Amino acid sequence: VSFTLTNTGKFDGEEVVQLYLRDQVGSVVRP
């Protein structure tokens, strides 16, 4: 999985990029 992250502001900075998954259907309910 890839994407482009761009700092669009006026300051240098750090971003915590978070990857979430959702299992759409399971044998038990999923978050």
PDB file of all heavy atoms in Angstrom:
ATOM      1  N   VAL A   1       0.857  -1.176   0.000  1.00  0.00           N
ATOM      2  CA  VAL A   1       0.000   0.000   0.000  1.00  0.00           C
ATOM      3  C   VAL A   1       0.897   1.231   0.000  1.00  0.00           C
ATOM      4  O   VAL A   1       1.757   1.378   0.865  1.00  0.00           O
ATOM      5  CB  VAL A   1      -0.910   0.023   1.247  1.00  0.00           C
ATOM      6  CG1 VAL A   1      -1.768   1.276   1.260  1.00  0.00           C
ATOM      7  CG2 VAL A   1      -1.774  -1.231   1.301  1.00  0.00           C
ATOM      8  N   SER A   2       0.720   2.103  -0.965  1.00  0.00           N
ATOM      9  CA  SER A   2       1.563   3.303  -1.027  1.00  0.00           C
ATOM     10  C   SER A   2       0.711   4.529  -1.323  1.00  0.00           C
ATOM     11  O   SER A   2      -0.377   4.425  -1.904  1.00  0.00           O
ATOM     12  CB  SER A   2       2.647   3.150  -2.099  1.00  0.00           C
ATOM     13  OG  SER A   2       2.074   3.005  -3.380  1.00  0.00           O
ATOM     14  N   PHE A   3       1.198   5.673  -0.890  1.00  0.00           N
ATOM     15  CA  PHE A   3       0.538   6.938  -1.185  1.00  0.00           C
ATOM     16  C   PHE A   3       1.571   8.040  -1.029  1.00  0.00           C
ATOM     17  O   PHE A   3       2.703   7.819  -0.574  1.00  0.00           O
ATOM     18  CB  PHE A   3      -0.655   7.173  -0.245  1.00  0.00           C
ATOM     19  CG  PHE A   3      -0.272   7.518   1.164  1.00  0.00           C
ATOM     20  CD1 PHE A   3      -0.272   8.840   1.602  1.00  0.00           C
ATOM     21  CD2 PHE A   3       0.112   6.529   2.055  1.00  0.00           C
ATOM     22  CE1 PHE A   3       0.094   9.157   2.896  1.00  0.00           C
ATOM     23  CE2 PHE A   3       0.476   6.845   3.353  1.00  0.00           C
ATOM     24  CZ  PHE A   3       0.464   8.169   3.770  1.00  0.00           C
ATOM     25  N   THR A   4       1.195   9.250  -1.411  1.00  0.00           N
ATOM     26  CA  THR A   4       2.095  10.398  -1.307  1.00  0.00           C
ATOM     27  C   THR A   4       1.659  11.299  -0.172  1.00  0.00           C
ATOM     28  O   THR A   4       0.493  11.687  -0.079  1.00  0.00           O
ATOM     29  CB  THR A   4       2.115  11.197  -2.624  1.00  0.00           C
ATOM     30  OG1 THR A   4       2.570  10.341  -3.678  1.00  0.00           O
ATOM     31  CG2 THR A   4       3.052  12.394  -2.514  1.00  0.00           C
ATOM     32  N   LEU A   5       2.599  11.605   0.702  1.00  0.00           N
ATOM     33  CA  LEU A   5       2.370  12.526   1.809  1.00  0.00           C
ATOM     34  C   LEU A   5       3.079  13.838   1.494  1.00  0.00           C
ATOM     35  O   LEU A   5       4.268  13.842   1.165  1.00  0.00           O
ATOM     36  CB  LEU A   5       2.903  11.945   3.119  1.00  0.00           C
ATOM     37  CG  LEU A   5       2.704  12.803   4.371  1.00  0.00           C
ATOM     38  CD1 LEU A   5       1.230  12.847   4.751  1.00  0.00           C
ATOM     39  CD2 LEU A   5       3.531  12.247   5.539  1.00  0.00           C
ATOM     40  N   THR A   6       2.361  14.948   1.589  1.00  0.00           N
ATOM     41  CA  THR A   6       2.922  16.267   1.272  1.00  0.00           C
ATOM     42  C   THR A   6       2.722  17.216   2.440  1.00  0.00           C
ATOM     43  O   THR A   6       1.618  17.325   2.985  1.00  0.00           O
ATOM     44  CB  THR A   6       2.266  16.857   0.020  1.00  0.00           C
ATOM     45  OG1 THR A   6       2.414  15.951  -1.072  1.00  0.00           O
ATOM     46  CG2 THR A   6       2.900  18.195  -0.349  1.00  0.00           C
ATOM     47  N   ASN A   7       3.776  17.893   2.831  1.00  0.00           N
ATOM     48  CA  ASN A   7       3.685  18.948   3.831  1.00  0.00           C
ATOM     49  C   ASN A   7       3.238  20.212   3.119  1.00  0.00           C
ATOM     50  O   ASN A   7       4.003  20.843   2.395  1.00  0.00           O
ATOM     51  CB  ASN A   7       5.051  19.153   4.503  1.00  0.00           C
ATOM     52  CG  ASN A   7       5.017  20.201   5.604  1.00  0.00           C
ATOM     53  OD1 ASN A   7       4.128  21.049   5.648  1.00  0.00           O
ATOM     54  ND2 ASN A   7       5.999  20.161   6.496  1.00  0.00           N
ATOM     55  N   THR A   8       1.986  20.583   3.315  1.00  0.00           N
ATOM     56  CA  THR A   8       1.388  21.699   2.580  1.00  0.00           C
ATOM     57  C   THR A   8       1.400  23.011   3.360  1.00  0.00           C
ATOM     58  O   THR A   8       0.822  24.007   2.917  1.00  0.00           O
ATOM     59  CB  THR A   8      -0.067  21.349   2.206  1.00  0.00           C
ATOM     60  OG1 THR A   8      -0.772  20.945   3.392  1.00  0.00           O
ATOM     61  CG2 THR A   8      -0.100  20.218   1.197  1.00  0.00           C
ATOM     62  N   GLY A   9       2.051  23.009   4.530  1.00  0.00           N
ATOM     63  CA  GLY A   9       2.072  24.213   5.349  1.00  0.00           C
ATOM     64  C   GLY A   9       3.386  24.965   5.265  1.00  0.00           C
ATOM     65  O   GLY A   9       4.214  24.724   4.384  1.00  0.00           O
ATOM     66  N   LYS A  10       3.575  25.849   6.239  1.00  0.00           N
ATOM     67  CA  LYS A  10       4.746  26.732   6.237  1.00  0.00           C
ATOM     68  C   LYS A  10       5.848  26.267   7.185  1.00  0.00           C
ATOM     69  O   LYS A  10       6.917  26.876   7.236  1.00  0.00           O
ATOM     70  CB  LYS A  10       4.319  28.151   6.622  1.00  0.00           C
ATOM     71  CG  LYS A  10       3.329  28.780   5.650  1.00  0.00           C
ATOM     72  CD  LYS A  10       2.921  30.170   6.116  1.00  0.00           C
ATOM     73  CE  LYS A  10       1.918  30.800   5.150  1.00  0.00           C
ATOM     74  NZ  LYS A  10       1.495  32.158   5.616  1.00  0.00           N
ATOM     75  N   PHE A  11       5.594  25.210   7.936  1.00  0.00           N
ATOM     76  CA  PHE A  11       6.564  24.749   8.919  1.00  0.00           C
ATOM     77  C   PHE A  11       7.046  23.339   8.581  1.00  0.00           C
ATOM     78  O   PHE A  11       6.261  22.503   8.099  1.00  0.00           O
ATOM     79  CB  PHE A  11       5.951  24.718  10.327  1.00  0.00           C
ATOM     80  CG  PHE A  11       5.536  26.064  10.856  1.00  0.00           C
ATOM     81  CD1 PHE A  11       4.255  26.546  10.608  1.00  0.00           C
ATOM     82  CD2 PHE A  11       6.407  26.833  11.599  1.00  0.00           C
ATOM     83  CE1 PHE A  11       3.850  27.779  11.106  1.00  0.00           C
ATOM     84  CE2 PHE A  11       6.019  28.068  12.098  1.00  0.00           C
ATOM     85  CZ  PHE A  11       4.746  28.557  11.846  1.00  0.00           C
ATOM     86  N   ASP A  12       8.304  23.048   8.854  1.00  0.00           N
ATOM     87  CA  ASP A  12       8.770  21.670   8.826  1.00  0.00           C
ATOM     88  C   ASP A  12       8.042  20.917   9.934  1.00  0.00           C
ATOM     89  O   ASP A  12       7.764  21.479  11.001  1.00  0.00           O
ATOM     90  CB  ASP A  12      10.275  21.591   9.083  1.00  0.00           C
ATOM     91  CG  ASP A  12      11.102  22.350   8.048  1.00  0.00           C
ATOM     92  OD1 ASP A  12      10.551  22.688   6.986  1.00  0.00           O
ATOM     93  OD2 ASP A  12      12.299  22.592   8.322  1.00  0.00           O
ATOM     94  N   GLY A  13       7.755  19.643   9.715  1.00  0.00           N
ATOM     95  CA  GLY A  13       7.023  18.920  10.755  1.00  0.00           C
ATOM     96  C   GLY A  13       6.989  17.429  10.525  1.00  0.00           C
ATOM     97  O   GLY A  13       7.416  16.924   9.483  1.00  0.00           O
ATOM     98  N   GLU A  14       6.470  16.720  11.542  1.00  0.00           N
ATOM     99  CA  GLU A  14       6.336  15.267  11.500  1.00  0.00           C
ATOM    100  C   GLU A  14       4.855  14.889  11.500  1.00  0.00           C
ATOM    101  O   GLU A  14       4.056  15.498  12.203  1.00  0.00           O
ATOM    102  CB  GLU A  14       7.002  14.634  12.722  1.00  0.00           C
ATOM    103  CG  GLU A  14       8.504  14.831  12.783  1.00  0.00           C
ATOM    104  CD  GLU A  14       9.059  14.437  14.140  1.00  0.00           C
ATOM    105  OE1 GLU A  14       8.840  15.188  15.105  1.00  0.00           O
ATOM    106  OE2 GLU A  14       9.700  13.382  14.226  1.00  0.00           O
ATOM    107  N   GLU A  15       4.545  13.874  10.731  1.00  0.00           N
ATOM    108  CA  GLU A  15       3.188  13.341  10.717  1.00  0.00           C
ATOM    109  C   GLU A  15       3.238  11.856  11.067  1.00  0.00           C
ATOM    110  O   GLU A  15       4.080  11.110  10.547  1.00  0.00           O
ATOM    111  CB  GLU A  15       2.553  13.524   9.334  1.00  0.00           C
ATOM    112  CG  GLU A  15       1.215  12.837   9.133  1.00  0.00           C
ATOM    113  CD  GLU A  15       0.054  13.511   9.872  1.00  0.00           C
ATOM    114  OE1 GLU A  15       0.286  14.067  10.954  1.00  0.00           O
ATOM    115  OE2 GLU A  15      -1.075  13.461   9.364  1.00  0.00           O
ATOM    116  N   VAL A  16       2.357  11.433  11.968  1.00  0.00           N
ATOM    117  CA  VAL A  16       2.207  10.009  12.259  1.00  0.00           C
ATOM    118  C   VAL A  16       1.123   9.474  11.336  1.00  0.00           C
ATOM    119  O   VAL A  16      -0.072   9.700  11.547  1.00  0.00           O
ATOM    120  CB  VAL A  16       1.839   9.761  13.727  1.00  0.00           C
ATOM    121  CG1 VAL A  16       1.652   8.262  13.979  1.00  0.00           C
ATOM    122  CG2 VAL A  16       2.919  10.315  14.650  1.00  0.00           C
ATOM    123  N   VAL A  17       1.545   8.798  10.296  1.00  0.00           N
ATOM    124  CA  VAL A  17       0.631   8.225   9.308  1.00  0.00           C
ATOM    125  C   VAL A  17       0.126   6.892   9.843  1.00  0.00           C
ATOM    126  O   VAL A  17       0.917   6.026  10.223  1.00  0.00           O
ATOM    127  CB  VAL A  17       1.347   8.019   7.962  1.00  0.00           C
ATOM    128  CG1 VAL A  17       0.417   7.360   6.966  1.00  0.00           C
ATOM    129  CG2 VAL A  17       1.874   9.338   7.433  1.00  0.00           C
ATOM    130  N   GLN A  18      -1.179   6.715   9.893  1.00  0.00           N
ATOM    131  CA  GLN A  18      -1.783   5.540  10.513  1.00  0.00           C
ATOM    132  C   GLN A  18      -2.531   4.704   9.482  1.00  0.00           C
ATOM    133  O   GLN A  18      -3.341   5.236   8.718  1.00  0.00           O
ATOM    134  CB  GLN A  18      -2.729   5.992  11.625  1.00  0.00           C
ATOM    135  CG  GLN A  18      -2.024   6.801  12.701  1.00  0.00           C
ATOM    136  CD  GLN A  18      -2.953   7.665  13.528  1.00  0.00           C
ATOM    137  OE1 GLN A  18      -3.994   7.197  13.987  1.00  0.00           O
ATOM    138  NE2 GLN A  18      -2.584   8.935  13.732  1.00  0.00           N
ATOM    139  N   LEU A  19      -2.237   3.415   9.476  1.00  0.00           N
ATOM    140  CA  LEU A  19      -2.906   2.483   8.572  1.00  0.00           C
ATOM    141  C   LEU A  19      -3.866   1.616   9.377  1.00  0.00           C
ATOM    142  O   LEU A  19      -3.465   0.941  10.328  1.00  0.00           O
ATOM    143  CB  LEU A  19      -1.894   1.603   7.844  1.00  0.00           C
ATOM    144  CG  LEU A  19      -2.474   0.611   6.821  1.00  0.00           C
ATOM    145  CD1 LEU A  19      -1.513   0.423   5.649  1.00  0.00           C
ATOM    146  CD2 LEU A  19      -2.778  -0.764   7.436  1.00  0.00           C
ATOM    147  N   TYR A  20      -5.130   1.674   9.004  1.00  0.00           N
ATOM    148  CA  TYR A  20      -6.170   0.867   9.633  1.00  0.00           C
ATOM    149  C   TYR A  20      -6.725  -0.116   8.609  1.00  0.00           C
ATOM    150  O   TYR A  20      -6.764   0.175   7.405  1.00  0.00           O
ATOM    151  CB  TYR A  20      -7.305   1.748  10.161  1.00  0.00           C
ATOM    152  CG  TYR A  20      -6.893   2.711  11.256  1.00  0.00           C
ATOM    153  CD1 TYR A  20      -6.378   3.969  10.942  1.00  0.00           C
ATOM    154  CD2 TYR A  20      -7.027   2.356  12.590  1.00  0.00           C
ATOM    155  CE1 TYR A  20      -6.003   4.857  11.945  1.00  0.00           C
ATOM    156  CE2 TYR A  20      -6.650   3.237  13.600  1.00  0.00           C
ATOM    157  CZ  TYR A  20      -6.134   4.486  13.273  1.00  0.00           C
ATOM    158  OH  TYR A  20      -5.762   5.357  14.270  1.00  0.00           O
ATOM    159  N   LEU A  21      -7.155  -1.277   9.101  1.00  0.00           N
ATOM    160  CA  LEU A  21      -7.815  -2.266   8.260  1.00  0.00           C
ATOM    161  C   LEU A  21      -9.187  -2.586   8.841  1.00  0.00           C
ATOM    162  O   LEU A  21      -9.376  -2.567  10.062  1.00  0.00           O
ATOM    163  CB  LEU A  21      -6.997  -3.554   8.177  1.00  0.00           C
ATOM    164  CG  LEU A  21      -5.653  -3.494   7.445  1.00  0.00           C
ATOM    165  CD1 LEU A  21      -4.965  -4.846   7.521  1.00  0.00           C
ATOM    166  CD2 LEU A  21      -5.842  -3.077   5.991  1.00  0.00           C
ATOM    167  N   ARG A  22     -10.115  -2.875   7.933  1.00  0.00           N
ATOM    168  CA  ARG A  22     -11.411  -3.396   8.369  1.00  0.00           C
ATOM    169  C   ARG A  22     -11.697  -4.690   7.634  1.00  0.00           C
ATOM    170  O   ARG A  22     -11.711  -4.724   6.397  1.00  0.00           O
ATOM    171  CB  ARG A  22     -12.537  -2.403   8.102  1.00  0.00           C
ATOM    172  CG  ARG A  22     -13.888  -2.967   8.572  1.00  0.00           C
ATOM    173  CD  ARG A  22     -15.024  -1.990   8.517  1.00  0.00           C
ATOM    174  NE  ARG A  22     -16.226  -2.580   9.110  1.00  0.00           N
ATOM    175  CZ  ARG A  22     -17.396  -1.967   9.206  1.00  0.00           C
ATOM    176  NH1 ARG A  22     -17.517  -0.730   8.738  1.00  0.00           N
ATOM    177  NH2 ARG A  22     -18.431  -2.559   9.758  1.00  0.00           N
ATOM    178  N   ASP A  23     -11.870  -5.750   8.407  1.00  0.00           N
ATOM    179  CA  ASP A  23     -12.273  -7.047   7.877  1.00  0.00           C
ATOM    180  C   ASP A  23     -13.796  -6.999   7.745  1.00  0.00           C
ATOM    181  O   ASP A  23     -14.519  -6.935   8.735  1.00  0.00           O
ATOM    182  CB  ASP A  23     -11.836  -8.137   8.851  1.00  0.00           C
ATOM    183  CG  ASP A  23     -11.998  -9.533   8.287  1.00  0.00           C
ATOM    184  OD1 ASP A  23     -12.692  -9.684   7.267  1.00  0.00           O
ATOM    185  OD2 ASP A  23     -11.428 -10.477   8.866  1.00  0.00           O
ATOM    186  N   GLN A  24     -14.271  -7.007   6.501  1.00  0.00           N
ATOM    187  CA  GLN A  24     -15.687  -6.729   6.255  1.00  0.00           C
ATOM    188  C   GLN A  24     -16.630  -7.791   6.814  1.00  0.00           C
ATOM    189  O   GLN A  24     -17.697  -7.469   7.337  1.00  0.00           O
ATOM    190  CB  GLN A  24     -15.927  -6.586   4.740  1.00  0.00           C
ATOM    191  CG  GLN A  24     -15.059  -5.526   4.058  1.00  0.00           C
ATOM    192  CD  GLN A  24     -15.575  -4.112   4.256  1.00  0.00           C
ATOM    193  OE1 GLN A  24     -16.171  -3.800   5.272  1.00  0.00           O
ATOM    194  NE2 GLN A  24     -15.327  -3.243   3.291  1.00  0.00           N
ATOM    195  N   VAL A  25     -16.239  -9.064   6.714  1.00  0.00           N
ATOM    196  CA  VAL A  25     -17.090 -10.158   7.198  1.00  0.00           C
ATOM    197  C   VAL A  25     -16.190 -11.229   7.809  1.00  0.00           C
ATOM    198  O   VAL A  25     -15.188 -11.614   7.207  1.00  0.00           O
ATOM    199  CB  VAL A  25     -17.924 -10.784   6.060  1.00  0.00           C
ATOM    200  CG1 VAL A  25     -18.766 -11.946   6.595  1.00  0.00           C
ATOM    201  CG2 VAL A  25     -18.814  -9.740   5.395  1.00  0.00           C
ATOM    202  N   GLY A  26     -16.535 -11.701   9.003  1.00  0.00           N
ATOM    203  CA  GLY A  26     -15.731 -12.730   9.641  1.00  0.00           C
ATOM    204  C   GLY A  26     -16.590 -13.788  10.292  1.00  0.00           C
ATOM    205  O   GLY A  26     -17.808 -13.625  10.455  1.00  0.00           O
ATOM    206  N   SER A  27     -15.943 -14.866  10.706  1.00  0.00           N
ATOM    207  CA  SER A  27     -16.666 -15.932  11.410  1.00  0.00           C
ATOM    208  C   SER A  27     -17.070 -15.488  12.813  1.00  0.00           C
ATOM    209  O   SER A  27     -17.932 -16.098  13.450  1.00  0.00           O
ATOM    210  CB  SER A  27     -15.795 -17.188  11.497  1.00  0.00           C
ATOM    211  OG  SER A  27     -14.583 -16.910  12.184  1.00  0.00           O
ATOM    212  N   VAL A  28     -16.405 -14.448  13.310  1.00  0.00           N
ATOM    213  CA  VAL A  28     -16.848 -13.716  14.494  1.00  0.00           C
ATOM    214  C   VAL A  28     -16.834 -12.245  14.108  1.00  0.00           C
ATOM    215  O   VAL A  28     -16.118 -11.831  13.198  1.00  0.00           O
ATOM    216  CB  VAL A  28     -15.932 -13.966  15.719  1.00  0.00           C
ATOM    217  CG1 VAL A  28     -16.023 -15.407  16.184  1.00  0.00           C
ATOM    218  CG2 VAL A  28     -14.487 -13.594  15.416  1.00  0.00           C
ATOM    219  N   VAL A  29     -17.625 -11.430  14.796  1.00  0.00           N
ATOM    220  CA  VAL A  29     -17.699 -10.027  14.397  1.00  0.00           C
ATOM    221  C   VAL A  29     -16.344  -9.356  14.589  1.00  0.00           C
ATOM    222  O   VAL A  29     -15.603  -9.657  15.514  1.00  0.00           O
ATOM    223  CB  VAL A  29     -18.793  -9.261  15.170  1.00  0.00           C
ATOM    224  CG1 VAL A  29     -20.152  -9.795  14.807  1.00  0.00           C
ATOM    225  CG2 VAL A  29     -18.567  -9.340  16.673  1.00  0.00           C
ATOM    226  N   ARG A  30     -16.038  -8.419  13.676  1.00  0.00           N
ATOM    227  CA  ARG A  30     -14.746  -7.745  13.677  1.00  0.00           C
ATOM    228  C   ARG A  30     -14.947  -6.251  13.943  1.00  0.00           C
ATOM    229  O   ARG A  30     -16.004  -5.687  13.644  1.00  0.00           O
ATOM    230  CB  ARG A  30     -14.043  -7.933  12.323  1.00  0.00           C
ATOM    231  CG  ARG A  30     -13.914  -9.381  11.867  1.00  0.00           C
ATOM    232  CD  ARG A  30     -13.042 -10.212  12.816  1.00  0.00           C
ATOM    233  NE  ARG A  30     -11.726  -9.636  12.932  1.00  0.00           N
ATOM    234  CZ  ARG A  30     -11.127  -9.364  14.105  1.00  0.00           C
ATOM    235  NH1 ARG A  30     -11.744  -9.605  15.247  1.00  0.00           N
ATOM    236  NH2 ARG A  30      -9.924  -8.834  14.132  1.00  0.00           N
ATOM    237  N   PRO A  31     -13.940  -5.576  14.491  1.00  0.00           N
ATOM    238  CA  PRO A  31     -14.064  -4.144  14.779  1.00  0.00           C
ATOM    239  C   PRO A  31     -14.282  -3.309  13.519  1.00  0.00           C
ATOM    240  O   PRO A  31     -13.962  -3.743  12.404  1.00  0.00           O
ATOM    241  CB  PRO A  31     -12.720  -3.803  15.432  1.00  0.00           C
ATOM    242  CG  PRO A  31     -12.204  -5.099  15.957  1.00  0.00           C
ATOM    243  CD  PRO A  31     -12.668  -6.138  14.980  1.00  0.00           C
TER     244      PRO A  31
END
